[in-house]
Amino acid sequence: MRALGSGWPPGDGVAVFNQVYLSVTEAVGGRLADGSFPDPEALSALDVRFAERYLSAVDAESGGGRPPDCWRPLFAYRRHPGVRPLQFALAGINAHIGHDLALAVVDTCRTLDCGPRDLEDEFERVGDLLVLLEEQIREDLMPGPDLLELADPLTHLAGTWSLERAREAAWSAARVLWRLRAVPSLAEEFRARMDAGVGLVGRFLLTPCR
């Protein structure tokens, strides 16, 4: 993520999200180091599988492939002058939590030979950290009082999306996908519909505000 960020201009929308995600990853690493998580092996596995989903989407886009639908709005609007940094950050978080997190839970279950319930504590602890970081992101990226008139539609857009609700949906989706693992075609259909729905939300979050 550091290497990616160094290759993008500061105003690039993907670079904005990348910096946010790097901050989250560093915060999780700090919690791992100080023993905050009772099962560091499970947390590390989940963290790695989660990051792989984002990095795979970036690789697909840069290589001329097709990233998941949830990521396509961010890649398409990354240089739009009417989209503000907070929108880029929220669109990336929406894609990563709304689609990638459920798949990362299933990937981790396969890696560790366990079920989603065995990862619930780690999932909740990471989620609590993400909520705190989201609050900080909104404070850092929301325009100041001198831009209040400009920020009115931005305030509306930012208020329509909830990380907590997205996290709850991701956990439910992970449990459904785990149950469907014996029926790959149905699991893929469910994933594709989830991907498309998250992508639609991302497109709304990136509505130009100026």
N, C-alpha and C. Protein backbone atom coordinates (compact mmCIF):
# COMPACT_ATOMS: atom_id res chain seq x y z
N MET A 1 0.83 -1.20 0.00
CA MET A 1 0.00 0.00 0.00
C MET A 1 0.86 1.25 0.00
N ARG A 2 1.99 1.24 0.72
CA ARG A 2 2.89 2.40 0.68
C ARG A 2 3.45 2.59 -0.72
N ALA A 3 3.83 1.49 -1.37
CA ALA A 3 4.38 1.57 -2.73
C ALA A 3 3.33 2.09 -3.71
N LEU A 4 2.10 1.63 -3.57
CA LEU A 4 1.03 2.12 -4.45
C LEU A 4 0.82 3.61 -4.26
N GLY A 5 0.74 4.02 -3.02
CA GLY A 5 0.46 5.42 -2.72
C GLY A 5 1.52 6.36 -3.27
N SER A 6 2.77 5.91 -3.28
CA SER A 6 3.84 6.77 -3.78
C SER A 6 3.77 6.98 -5.28
N GLY A 7 3.02 6.12 -5.98
CA GLY A 7 2.93 6.24 -7.43
C GLY A 7 1.71 6.99 -7.93
N TRP A 8 0.85 7.43 -7.02
CA TRP A 8 -0.36 8.17 -7.41
C TRP A 8 -0.29 9.61 -6.93
N PRO A 9 -0.86 10.55 -7.69
CA PRO A 9 -0.88 11.94 -7.23
C PRO A 9 -1.79 12.08 -6.00
N PRO A 10 -1.53 13.05 -5.14
CA PRO A 10 -2.29 13.19 -3.89
C PRO A 10 -3.80 13.30 -4.08
N GLY A 11 -4.27 13.95 -5.15
CA GLY A 11 -5.70 14.14 -5.35
C GLY A 11 -6.40 12.96 -5.96
N ASP A 12 -5.67 11.92 -6.33
CA ASP A 12 -6.27 10.74 -6.94
C ASP A 12 -7.20 10.06 -5.93
N GLY A 13 -8.43 9.71 -6.38
CA GLY A 13 -9.40 9.13 -5.46
C GLY A 13 -8.99 7.81 -4.87
N VAL A 14 -8.32 6.97 -5.65
CA VAL A 14 -7.85 5.69 -5.12
C VAL A 14 -6.72 5.93 -4.11
N ALA A 15 -5.89 6.95 -4.38
CA ALA A 15 -4.83 7.29 -3.43
C ALA A 15 -5.41 7.75 -2.09
N VAL A 16 -6.53 8.47 -2.14
CA VAL A 16 -7.18 8.90 -0.90
C VAL A 16 -7.60 7.68 -0.08
N PHE A 17 -8.29 6.73 -0.74
CA PHE A 17 -8.69 5.54 -0.01
C PHE A 17 -7.48 4.74 0.45
N ASN A 18 -6.47 4.62 -0.40
CA ASN A 18 -5.29 3.84 -0.06
C ASN A 18 -4.65 4.35 1.23
N GLN A 19 -4.59 5.68 1.39
CA GLN A 19 -4.02 6.25 2.59
C GLN A 19 -4.88 5.93 3.81
N VAL A 20 -6.20 5.97 3.63
CA VAL A 20 -7.10 5.61 4.72
C VAL A 20 -6.89 4.15 5.12
N TYR A 21 -6.81 3.29 4.12
CA TYR A 21 -6.66 1.85 4.40
C TYR A 21 -5.30 1.56 5.03
N LEU A 22 -4.28 2.26 4.58
CA LEU A 22 -2.95 2.09 5.18
C LEU A 22 -3.00 2.46 6.67
N SER A 23 -3.71 3.53 7.00
CA SER A 23 -3.85 3.92 8.40
C SER A 23 -4.55 2.85 9.22
N VAL A 24 -5.60 2.25 8.64
CA VAL A 24 -6.32 1.18 9.32
C VAL A 24 -5.40 -0.02 9.54
N THR A 25 -4.66 -0.39 8.51
CA THR A 25 -3.77 -1.55 8.60
C THR A 25 -2.70 -1.33 9.66
N GLU A 26 -2.15 -0.12 9.71
CA GLU A 26 -1.13 0.18 10.72
C GLU A 26 -1.73 0.14 12.12
N ALA A 27 -2.98 0.60 12.25
CA ALA A 27 -3.63 0.57 13.56
C ALA A 27 -3.88 -0.86 14.01
N VAL A 28 -4.31 -1.71 13.08
CA VAL A 28 -4.52 -3.12 13.42
C VAL A 28 -3.19 -3.76 13.80
N GLY A 29 -2.12 -3.44 13.05
CA GLY A 29 -0.80 -3.98 13.38
C GLY A 29 -0.36 -3.57 14.77
N GLY A 30 -0.66 -2.33 15.15
CA GLY A 30 -0.31 -1.88 16.49
C GLY A 30 -1.07 -2.64 17.56
N ARG A 31 -2.34 -2.92 17.31
CA ARG A 31 -3.14 -3.69 18.27
C ARG A 31 -2.64 -5.14 18.37
N LEU A 32 -2.19 -5.69 17.23
CA LEU A 32 -1.62 -7.04 17.26
C LEU A 32 -0.36 -7.07 18.12
N ALA A 33 0.46 -6.05 17.96
CA ALA A 33 1.73 -6.01 18.67
C ALA A 33 1.54 -5.86 20.18
N ASP A 34 0.50 -5.13 20.60
CA ASP A 34 0.33 -4.92 22.04
C ASP A 34 -0.56 -5.98 22.71
N GLY A 35 -0.94 -7.01 21.93
CA GLY A 35 -1.70 -8.12 22.51
C GLY A 35 -3.18 -7.85 22.71
N SER A 36 -3.74 -6.90 21.98
CA SER A 36 -5.15 -6.56 22.15
C SER A 36 -6.09 -7.65 21.64
N PHE A 37 -5.61 -8.48 20.74
CA PHE A 37 -6.45 -9.52 20.16
C PHE A 37 -6.10 -10.88 20.77
N PRO A 38 -7.11 -11.60 21.27
CA PRO A 38 -6.84 -12.88 21.94
C PRO A 38 -6.35 -13.97 20.99
N ASP A 39 -6.68 -13.86 19.70
CA ASP A 39 -6.24 -14.86 18.73
C ASP A 39 -5.53 -14.16 17.59
N PRO A 40 -4.26 -13.80 17.77
CA PRO A 40 -3.55 -13.03 16.74
C PRO A 40 -3.39 -13.78 15.43
N GLU A 41 -3.32 -15.11 15.47
CA GLU A 41 -3.19 -15.87 14.23
C GLU A 41 -4.43 -15.70 13.36
N ALA A 42 -5.60 -15.79 13.98
CA ALA A 42 -6.84 -15.64 13.23
C ALA A 42 -6.99 -14.21 12.71
N LEU A 43 -6.65 -13.24 13.56
CA LEU A 43 -6.75 -11.85 13.14
C LEU A 43 -5.80 -11.55 11.99
N SER A 44 -4.58 -12.05 12.06
CA SER A 44 -3.60 -11.82 10.99
C SER A 44 -4.07 -12.44 9.68
N ALA A 45 -4.61 -13.65 9.77
CA ALA A 45 -5.10 -14.32 8.56
C ALA A 45 -6.24 -13.53 7.94
N LEU A 46 -7.17 -13.06 8.76
CA LEU A 46 -8.29 -12.27 8.24
C LEU A 46 -7.79 -10.96 7.64
N ASP A 47 -6.85 -10.31 8.29
CA ASP A 47 -6.32 -9.05 7.81
C ASP A 47 -5.65 -9.21 6.44
N VAL A 48 -4.88 -10.29 6.28
CA VAL A 48 -4.18 -10.54 5.02
C VAL A 48 -5.16 -10.84 3.90
N ARG A 49 -6.12 -11.72 4.16
CA ARG A 49 -7.10 -12.08 3.12
C ARG A 49 -7.93 -10.85 2.72
N PHE A 50 -8.21 -10.01 3.69
CA PHE A 50 -8.98 -8.79 3.45
C PHE A 50 -8.19 -7.86 2.52
N ALA A 51 -6.94 -7.63 2.84
CA ALA A 51 -6.10 -6.74 2.03
C ALA A 51 -5.91 -7.29 0.62
N GLU A 52 -5.80 -8.61 0.50
CA GLU A 52 -5.60 -9.22 -0.82
C GLU A 52 -6.73 -8.87 -1.78
N ARG A 53 -7.93 -8.74 -1.27
CA ARG A 53 -9.08 -8.42 -2.12
C ARG A 53 -8.94 -7.02 -2.73
N TYR A 54 -8.52 -6.07 -1.92
CA TYR A 54 -8.30 -4.71 -2.43
C TYR A 54 -7.16 -4.68 -3.43
N LEU A 55 -6.04 -5.31 -3.08
CA LEU A 55 -4.87 -5.29 -3.95
C LEU A 55 -5.15 -6.01 -5.27
N SER A 56 -5.97 -7.05 -5.24
CA SER A 56 -6.34 -7.74 -6.47
C SER A 56 -7.17 -6.84 -7.38
N ALA A 57 -8.05 -6.04 -6.78
CA ALA A 57 -8.86 -5.11 -7.57
C ALA A 57 -7.97 -4.06 -8.23
N VAL A 58 -6.98 -3.55 -7.50
CA VAL A 58 -6.05 -2.58 -8.07
C VAL A 58 -5.25 -3.21 -9.21
N ASP A 59 -4.79 -4.44 -9.00
CA ASP A 59 -4.02 -5.14 -10.04
C ASP A 59 -4.86 -5.34 -11.29
N ALA A 60 -6.13 -5.71 -11.09
CA ALA A 60 -7.01 -5.94 -12.24
C ALA A 60 -7.20 -4.65 -13.03
N GLU A 61 -7.41 -3.54 -12.33
CA GLU A 61 -7.61 -2.26 -13.00
C GLU A 61 -6.35 -1.82 -13.74
N SER A 62 -5.21 -1.90 -13.07
CA SER A 62 -3.97 -1.43 -13.69
C SER A 62 -3.52 -2.33 -14.83
N GLY A 63 -3.94 -3.60 -14.79
CA GLY A 63 -3.57 -4.54 -15.84
C GLY A 63 -4.54 -4.60 -16.99
N GLY A 64 -5.54 -3.73 -16.99
CA GLY A 64 -6.52 -3.71 -18.06
C GLY A 64 -7.62 -4.74 -17.93
N GLY A 65 -7.71 -5.37 -16.76
CA GLY A 65 -8.77 -6.35 -16.52
C GLY A 65 -10.02 -5.70 -15.98
N ARG A 66 -10.91 -6.51 -15.46
CA ARG A 66 -12.17 -6.00 -14.91
C ARG A 66 -12.20 -6.25 -13.41
N PRO A 67 -12.08 -5.21 -12.61
CA PRO A 67 -12.19 -5.39 -11.17
C PRO A 67 -13.63 -5.69 -10.78
N PRO A 68 -13.88 -6.12 -9.57
CA PRO A 68 -15.26 -6.33 -9.11
C PRO A 68 -16.09 -5.06 -9.29
N ASP A 69 -17.39 -5.24 -9.51
CA ASP A 69 -18.29 -4.10 -9.75
C ASP A 69 -18.23 -3.08 -8.61
N CYS A 70 -18.03 -3.55 -7.39
CA CYS A 70 -18.03 -2.65 -6.24
C CYS A 70 -16.90 -1.62 -6.31
N TRP A 71 -15.80 -1.97 -6.97
CA TRP A 71 -14.65 -1.07 -7.07
C TRP A 71 -14.70 -0.19 -8.31
N ARG A 72 -15.47 -0.52 -9.30
CA ARG A 72 -15.42 0.19 -10.58
C ARG A 72 -15.80 1.68 -10.47
N PRO A 73 -16.80 2.07 -9.65
CA PRO A 73 -17.08 3.51 -9.54
C PRO A 73 -15.88 4.32 -9.04
N LEU A 74 -15.15 3.79 -8.05
CA LEU A 74 -14.00 4.52 -7.53
C LEU A 74 -12.92 4.67 -8.60
N PHE A 75 -12.67 3.61 -9.34
CA PHE A 75 -11.66 3.70 -10.41
C PHE A 75 -12.13 4.65 -11.51
N ALA A 76 -13.42 4.63 -11.82
CA ALA A 76 -13.94 5.46 -12.90
C ALA A 76 -13.93 6.95 -12.55
N TYR A 77 -14.16 7.29 -11.28
CA TYR A 77 -14.30 8.68 -10.87
C TYR A 77 -13.07 9.20 -10.12
N ARG A 78 -12.00 8.45 -10.09
CA ARG A 78 -10.85 8.78 -9.25
C ARG A 78 -10.25 10.15 -9.53
N ARG A 79 -10.43 10.67 -10.74
CA ARG A 79 -9.87 11.98 -11.09
C ARG A 79 -10.95 13.04 -11.37
N HIS A 80 -12.17 12.75 -10.99
CA HIS A 80 -13.26 13.70 -11.24
C HIS A 80 -13.10 14.92 -10.34
N PRO A 81 -13.05 16.12 -10.91
CA PRO A 81 -12.82 17.31 -10.10
C PRO A 81 -13.98 17.68 -9.17
N GLY A 82 -15.16 17.13 -9.43
CA GLY A 82 -16.32 17.46 -8.61
C GLY A 82 -16.54 16.52 -7.44
N VAL A 83 -15.69 15.51 -7.29
CA VAL A 83 -15.82 14.55 -6.19
C VAL A 83 -14.80 14.89 -5.12
N ARG A 84 -15.24 14.98 -3.89
CA ARG A 84 -14.37 15.41 -2.80
C ARG A 84 -13.70 14.22 -2.11
N PRO A 85 -12.58 14.48 -1.41
CA PRO A 85 -11.82 13.38 -0.78
C PRO A 85 -12.64 12.48 0.13
N LEU A 86 -13.56 13.06 0.92
CA LEU A 86 -14.37 12.24 1.81
C LEU A 86 -15.20 11.23 1.01
N GLN A 87 -15.69 11.63 -0.14
CA GLN A 87 -16.47 10.72 -0.97
C GLN A 87 -15.62 9.57 -1.48
N PHE A 88 -14.40 9.87 -1.90
CA PHE A 88 -13.50 8.81 -2.35
C PHE A 88 -13.24 7.81 -1.22
N ALA A 89 -12.99 8.33 -0.03
CA ALA A 89 -12.72 7.47 1.11
C ALA A 89 -13.91 6.58 1.43
N LEU A 90 -15.11 7.17 1.47
CA LEU A 90 -16.30 6.40 1.80
C LEU A 90 -16.62 5.37 0.71
N ALA A 91 -16.42 5.73 -0.56
CA ALA A 91 -16.69 4.78 -1.64
C ALA A 91 -15.75 3.58 -1.56
N GLY A 92 -14.49 3.83 -1.22
CA GLY A 92 -13.56 2.72 -1.06
C GLY A 92 -13.90 1.85 0.13
N ILE A 93 -14.24 2.48 1.24
CA ILE A 93 -14.63 1.71 2.42
C ILE A 93 -15.89 0.90 2.14
N ASN A 94 -16.84 1.51 1.43
CA ASN A 94 -18.07 0.81 1.06
C ASN A 94 -17.76 -0.45 0.25
N ALA A 95 -16.88 -0.34 -0.75
CA ALA A 95 -16.53 -1.50 -1.58
C ALA A 95 -15.82 -2.56 -0.76
N HIS A 96 -14.89 -2.12 0.07
CA HIS A 96 -14.05 -3.07 0.80
C HIS A 96 -14.83 -3.78 1.91
N ILE A 97 -15.68 -3.03 2.61
CA ILE A 97 -16.48 -3.65 3.68
C ILE A 97 -17.68 -4.39 3.09
N GLY A 98 -18.38 -3.74 2.15
CA GLY A 98 -19.62 -4.30 1.64
C GLY A 98 -19.46 -5.56 0.82
N HIS A 99 -18.33 -5.72 0.15
CA HIS A 99 -18.11 -6.89 -0.70
C HIS A 99 -16.92 -7.74 -0.21
N ASP A 100 -15.77 -7.08 -0.06
CA ASP A 100 -14.54 -7.84 0.20
C ASP A 100 -14.50 -8.49 1.56
N LEU A 101 -15.08 -7.86 2.56
CA LEU A 101 -14.96 -8.39 3.92
C LEU A 101 -15.64 -9.75 4.05
N ALA A 102 -16.82 -9.90 3.48
CA ALA A 102 -17.52 -11.20 3.55
C ALA A 102 -16.69 -12.29 2.89
N LEU A 103 -16.10 -11.97 1.74
CA LEU A 103 -15.28 -12.97 1.04
C LEU A 103 -14.01 -13.27 1.82
N ALA A 104 -13.45 -12.26 2.48
CA ALA A 104 -12.25 -12.47 3.28
C ALA A 104 -12.53 -13.39 4.47
N VAL A 105 -13.70 -13.25 5.06
CA VAL A 105 -14.08 -14.15 6.17
C VAL A 105 -14.14 -15.59 5.67
N VAL A 106 -14.77 -15.81 4.52
CA VAL A 106 -14.86 -17.16 3.97
C VAL A 106 -13.48 -17.69 3.61
N ASP A 107 -12.64 -16.85 2.99
CA ASP A 107 -11.27 -17.27 2.66
C ASP A 107 -10.51 -17.68 3.92
N THR A 108 -10.67 -16.90 4.99
CA THR A 108 -9.96 -17.18 6.23
C THR A 108 -10.46 -18.48 6.87
N CYS A 109 -11.75 -18.70 6.78
CA CYS A 109 -12.31 -19.95 7.32
C CYS A 109 -11.71 -21.16 6.60
N ARG A 110 -11.56 -21.05 5.30
CA ARG A 110 -10.95 -22.15 4.55
C ARG A 110 -9.48 -22.33 4.94
N THR A 111 -8.78 -21.21 5.12
CA THR A 111 -7.36 -21.28 5.47
C THR A 111 -7.15 -21.91 6.83
N LEU A 112 -7.97 -21.53 7.79
CA LEU A 112 -7.81 -22.00 9.17
C LEU A 112 -8.65 -23.23 9.50
N ASP A 113 -9.42 -23.70 8.51
CA ASP A 113 -10.30 -24.86 8.71
C ASP A 113 -11.24 -24.63 9.89
N CYS A 114 -11.97 -23.54 9.83
CA CYS A 114 -12.91 -23.21 10.89
C CYS A 114 -14.17 -22.63 10.25
N GLY A 115 -15.15 -22.22 11.05
CA GLY A 115 -16.37 -21.61 10.55
C GLY A 115 -16.41 -20.14 10.93
N PRO A 116 -17.32 -19.36 10.33
CA PRO A 116 -17.42 -17.94 10.65
C PRO A 116 -17.57 -17.64 12.13
N ARG A 117 -18.31 -18.46 12.84
CA ARG A 117 -18.51 -18.21 14.26
C ARG A 117 -17.19 -18.20 15.03
N ASP A 118 -16.22 -18.98 14.55
CA ASP A 118 -14.91 -19.02 15.21
C ASP A 118 -14.13 -17.72 15.04
N LEU A 119 -14.53 -16.90 14.07
CA LEU A 119 -13.85 -15.63 13.81
C LEU A 119 -14.65 -14.43 14.29
N GLU A 120 -15.77 -14.67 14.94
CA GLU A 120 -16.67 -13.57 15.28
C GLU A 120 -16.01 -12.55 16.21
N ASP A 121 -15.27 -13.00 17.20
CA ASP A 121 -14.63 -12.06 18.12
C ASP A 121 -13.65 -11.15 17.39
N GLU A 122 -12.83 -11.73 16.51
CA GLU A 122 -11.86 -10.94 15.75
C GLU A 122 -12.58 -9.98 14.81
N PHE A 123 -13.64 -10.46 14.18
CA PHE A 123 -14.43 -9.63 13.28
C PHE A 123 -14.98 -8.41 14.04
N GLU A 124 -15.51 -8.62 15.23
CA GLU A 124 -16.10 -7.53 16.00
C GLU A 124 -15.03 -6.55 16.49
N ARG A 125 -13.88 -7.07 16.89
CA ARG A 125 -12.83 -6.19 17.39
C ARG A 125 -12.29 -5.29 16.28
N VAL A 126 -12.09 -5.87 15.11
CA VAL A 126 -11.65 -5.06 13.97
C VAL A 126 -12.73 -4.05 13.60
N GLY A 127 -13.99 -4.48 13.64
CA GLY A 127 -15.09 -3.58 13.32
C GLY A 127 -15.16 -2.39 14.25
N ASP A 128 -14.94 -2.62 15.54
CA ASP A 128 -14.94 -1.52 16.50
C ASP A 128 -13.84 -0.51 16.19
N LEU A 129 -12.70 -1.02 15.78
CA LEU A 129 -11.59 -0.14 15.42
C LEU A 129 -11.92 0.66 14.16
N LEU A 130 -12.56 0.01 13.19
CA LEU A 130 -12.93 0.69 11.94
C LEU A 130 -13.92 1.81 12.20
N VAL A 131 -14.85 1.61 13.12
CA VAL A 131 -15.83 2.66 13.43
C VAL A 131 -15.12 3.89 14.00
N LEU A 132 -14.16 3.67 14.89
CA LEU A 132 -13.42 4.80 15.46
C LEU A 132 -12.63 5.53 14.38
N LEU A 133 -12.03 4.76 13.49
CA LEU A 133 -11.25 5.37 12.42
C LEU A 133 -12.14 6.10 11.43
N GLU A 134 -13.35 5.57 11.18
CA GLU A 134 -14.27 6.25 10.27
C GLU A 134 -14.62 7.63 10.81
N GLU A 135 -14.83 7.72 12.11
CA GLU A 135 -15.14 9.01 12.72
C GLU A 135 -14.00 10.00 12.49
N GLN A 136 -12.76 9.52 12.63
CA GLN A 136 -11.61 10.38 12.42
C GLN A 136 -11.50 10.79 10.96
N ILE A 137 -11.80 9.86 10.06
CA ILE A 137 -11.75 10.15 8.63
C ILE A 137 -12.75 11.25 8.26
N ARG A 138 -13.95 11.15 8.80
CA ARG A 138 -14.96 12.17 8.52
C ARG A 138 -14.50 13.55 9.04
N GLU A 139 -13.89 13.57 10.20
CA GLU A 139 -13.41 14.84 10.75
C GLU A 139 -12.29 15.42 9.90
N ASP A 140 -11.37 14.56 9.44
CA ASP A 140 -10.21 15.03 8.70
C ASP A 140 -10.57 15.48 7.28
N LEU A 141 -11.53 14.82 6.65
CA LEU A 141 -11.81 15.06 5.24
C LEU A 141 -13.04 15.92 4.98
N MET A 142 -13.83 16.20 5.99
CA MET A 142 -15.00 17.06 5.79
C MET A 142 -14.54 18.51 5.68
N PRO A 143 -15.02 19.26 4.67
CA PRO A 143 -14.61 20.66 4.54
C PRO A 143 -14.94 21.46 5.80
N GLY A 144 -14.17 22.53 6.03
CA GLY A 144 -14.37 23.36 7.21
C GLY A 144 -15.55 24.29 7.06
N PRO A 145 -15.84 25.09 8.09
CA PRO A 145 -17.02 25.98 8.09
C PRO A 145 -17.03 26.98 6.94
N ASP A 146 -15.84 27.36 6.43
CA ASP A 146 -15.79 28.33 5.35
C ASP A 146 -16.32 27.77 4.04
N LEU A 147 -16.45 26.43 3.97
CA LEU A 147 -16.97 25.78 2.78
C LEU A 147 -18.33 25.14 3.05
N LEU A 148 -19.04 25.65 4.04
CA LEU A 148 -20.28 25.03 4.48
C LEU A 148 -21.31 24.93 3.36
N GLU A 149 -21.44 25.99 2.58
CA GLU A 149 -22.43 25.96 1.50
C GLU A 149 -22.10 24.85 0.51
N LEU A 150 -20.80 24.72 0.16
CA LEU A 150 -20.37 23.66 -0.73
C LEU A 150 -20.58 22.29 -0.10
N ALA A 151 -20.42 22.23 1.19
CA ALA A 151 -20.45 20.95 1.87
C ALA A 151 -21.87 20.45 2.13
N ASP A 152 -22.89 21.26 1.92
CA ASP A 152 -24.25 20.82 2.22
C ASP A 152 -24.61 19.50 1.54
N PRO A 153 -24.46 19.35 0.22
CA PRO A 153 -24.77 18.06 -0.40
C PRO A 153 -23.81 16.97 0.05
N LEU A 154 -22.58 17.33 0.35
CA LEU A 154 -21.61 16.36 0.84
C LEU A 154 -22.04 15.82 2.20
N THR A 155 -22.52 16.71 3.05
CA THR A 155 -23.01 16.29 4.36
C THR A 155 -24.15 15.29 4.21
N HIS A 156 -25.04 15.56 3.26
CA HIS A 156 -26.16 14.65 3.01
C HIS A 156 -25.66 13.29 2.54
N LEU A 157 -24.74 13.28 1.58
CA LEU A 157 -24.22 12.01 1.06
C LEU A 157 -23.51 11.22 2.15
N ALA A 158 -22.67 11.91 2.91
CA ALA A 158 -21.91 11.24 3.97
C ALA A 158 -22.82 10.65 5.03
N GLY A 159 -23.94 11.33 5.28
CA GLY A 159 -24.86 10.86 6.32
C GLY A 159 -25.75 9.71 5.90
N THR A 160 -25.78 9.41 4.59
CA THR A 160 -26.65 8.33 4.13
C THR A 160 -26.00 6.96 4.23
N TRP A 161 -24.70 6.92 4.50
CA TRP A 161 -23.99 5.64 4.54
C TRP A 161 -23.48 5.36 5.94
N SER A 162 -23.62 4.12 6.38
CA SER A 162 -23.20 3.75 7.73
C SER A 162 -22.25 2.56 7.68
N LEU A 163 -21.07 2.74 8.22
CA LEU A 163 -20.12 1.63 8.31
C LEU A 163 -20.67 0.50 9.17
N GLU A 164 -21.36 0.87 10.23
CA GLU A 164 -21.91 -0.15 11.13
C GLU A 164 -22.91 -1.05 10.40
N ARG A 165 -23.80 -0.42 9.61
CA ARG A 165 -24.76 -1.23 8.84
C ARG A 165 -24.04 -2.08 7.79
N ALA A 166 -23.02 -1.51 7.15
CA ALA A 166 -22.27 -2.26 6.14
C ALA A 166 -21.55 -3.45 6.78
N ARG A 167 -21.03 -3.25 7.97
CA ARG A 167 -20.34 -4.33 8.68
C ARG A 167 -21.31 -5.45 9.06
N GLU A 168 -22.50 -5.07 9.51
CA GLU A 168 -23.51 -6.08 9.85
C GLU A 168 -23.91 -6.88 8.62
N ALA A 169 -24.08 -6.19 7.49
CA ALA A 169 -24.45 -6.88 6.25
C ALA A 169 -23.33 -7.81 5.80
N ALA A 170 -22.07 -7.39 5.97
CA ALA A 170 -20.94 -8.23 5.58
C ALA A 170 -20.90 -9.51 6.40
N TRP A 171 -21.19 -9.41 7.68
CA TRP A 171 -21.19 -10.61 8.53
C TRP A 171 -22.30 -11.57 8.10
N SER A 172 -23.48 -11.05 7.82
CA SER A 172 -24.58 -11.91 7.35
C SER A 172 -24.23 -12.55 6.02
N ALA A 173 -23.62 -11.77 5.11
CA ALA A 173 -23.25 -12.31 3.80
C ALA A 173 -22.20 -13.40 3.94
N ALA A 174 -21.26 -13.22 4.84
CA ALA A 174 -20.23 -14.24 5.06
C ALA A 174 -20.85 -15.56 5.52
N ARG A 175 -21.81 -15.46 6.42
CA ARG A 175 -22.46 -16.67 6.92
C ARG A 175 -23.25 -17.37 5.81
N VAL A 176 -23.92 -16.58 4.96
CA VAL A 176 -24.67 -17.16 3.85
C VAL A 176 -23.71 -17.83 2.86
N LEU A 177 -22.64 -17.15 2.50
CA LEU A 177 -21.67 -17.71 1.56
C LEU A 177 -21.03 -18.99 2.11
N TRP A 178 -20.81 -19.02 3.40
CA TRP A 178 -20.23 -20.23 4.00
C TRP A 178 -21.20 -21.39 3.91
N ARG A 179 -22.47 -21.12 4.11
CA ARG A 179 -23.48 -22.17 3.98
C ARG A 179 -23.63 -22.64 2.54
N LEU A 180 -23.36 -21.74 1.58
CA LEU A 180 -23.53 -22.06 0.17
C LEU A 180 -22.28 -22.65 -0.48
N ARG A 181 -21.23 -22.89 0.31
CA ARG A 181 -19.97 -23.33 -0.29
C ARG A 181 -20.09 -24.67 -1.01
N ALA A 182 -21.08 -25.47 -0.63
CA ALA A 182 -21.27 -26.77 -1.30
C ALA A 182 -22.04 -26.62 -2.61
N VAL A 183 -22.53 -25.41 -2.88
CA VAL A 183 -23.26 -25.15 -4.13
C VAL A 183 -22.58 -23.96 -4.81
N PRO A 184 -21.44 -24.17 -5.46
CA PRO A 184 -20.63 -23.07 -5.99
C PRO A 184 -21.39 -22.13 -6.93
N SER A 185 -22.26 -22.67 -7.76
CA SER A 185 -22.96 -21.80 -8.71
C SER A 185 -23.88 -20.83 -7.98
N LEU A 186 -24.55 -21.31 -6.94
CA LEU A 186 -25.44 -20.44 -6.17
C LEU A 186 -24.64 -19.44 -5.35
N ALA A 187 -23.51 -19.88 -4.81
CA ALA A 187 -22.65 -18.97 -4.05
C ALA A 187 -22.14 -17.85 -4.95
N GLU A 188 -21.76 -18.18 -6.18
CA GLU A 188 -21.26 -17.16 -7.10
C GLU A 188 -22.38 -16.21 -7.51
N GLU A 189 -23.58 -16.70 -7.69
CA GLU A 189 -24.70 -15.83 -8.01
C GLU A 189 -24.96 -14.84 -6.86
N PHE A 190 -24.93 -15.35 -5.64
CA PHE A 190 -25.13 -14.49 -4.48
C PHE A 190 -24.02 -13.44 -4.41
N ARG A 191 -22.76 -13.84 -4.62
CA ARG A 191 -21.64 -12.91 -4.58
C ARG A 191 -21.78 -11.82 -5.66
N ALA A 192 -22.16 -12.24 -6.86
CA ALA A 192 -22.30 -11.30 -7.96
C ALA A 192 -23.39 -10.27 -7.69
N ARG A 193 -24.51 -10.71 -7.11
CA ARG A 193 -25.59 -9.76 -6.78
C ARG A 193 -25.13 -8.80 -5.68
N MET A 194 -24.42 -9.33 -4.71
CA MET A 194 -23.89 -8.49 -3.63
C MET A 194 -22.91 -7.47 -4.21
N ASP A 195 -22.05 -7.92 -5.09
CA ASP A 195 -21.07 -7.05 -5.73
C ASP A 195 -21.76 -5.91 -6.48
N ALA A 196 -22.77 -6.23 -7.27
CA ALA A 196 -23.49 -5.22 -8.04
C ALA A 196 -24.18 -4.21 -7.13
N GLY A 197 -24.80 -4.69 -6.05
CA GLY A 197 -25.50 -3.80 -5.12
C GLY A 197 -24.55 -2.84 -4.43
N VAL A 198 -23.41 -3.34 -4.01
CA VAL A 198 -22.42 -2.48 -3.36
C VAL A 198 -21.87 -1.46 -4.36
N GLY A 199 -21.69 -1.89 -5.61
CA GLY A 199 -21.23 -0.96 -6.64
C GLY A 199 -22.21 0.17 -6.88
N LEU A 200 -23.50 -0.13 -6.83
CA LEU A 200 -24.52 0.90 -7.01
C LEU A 200 -24.45 1.93 -5.88
N VAL A 201 -24.28 1.46 -4.65
CA VAL A 201 -24.14 2.38 -3.52
C VAL A 201 -22.90 3.25 -3.71
N GLY A 202 -21.80 2.64 -4.17
CA GLY A 202 -20.58 3.39 -4.40
C GLY A 202 -20.76 4.49 -5.43
N ARG A 203 -21.53 4.20 -6.48
CA ARG A 203 -21.78 5.21 -7.50
C ARG A 203 -22.55 6.40 -6.92
N PHE A 204 -23.52 6.15 -6.06
CA PHE A 204 -24.25 7.24 -5.42
C PHE A 204 -23.34 8.06 -4.51
N LEU A 205 -22.44 7.38 -3.77
CA LEU A 205 -21.53 8.09 -2.88
C LEU A 205 -20.60 9.02 -3.65
N LEU A 206 -20.36 8.73 -4.92
CA LEU A 206 -19.44 9.53 -5.72
C LEU A 206 -20.15 10.59 -6.57
N THR A 207 -21.40 10.87 -6.26
CA THR A 207 -22.13 11.93 -6.97
C THR A 207 -21.36 13.25 -6.83
N PRO A 208 -20.98 13.90 -7.93
CA PRO A 208 -20.21 15.15 -7.82
C PRO A 208 -20.94 16.20 -6.99
N CYS A 209 -20.21 16.85 -6.10
CA CYS A 209 -20.79 17.83 -5.20
C CYS A 209 -20.41 19.26 -5.55
N ARG A 210 -19.75 19.46 -6.70
CA ARG A 210 -19.41 20.83 -7.10
C ARG A 210 -19.22 20.89 -8.60
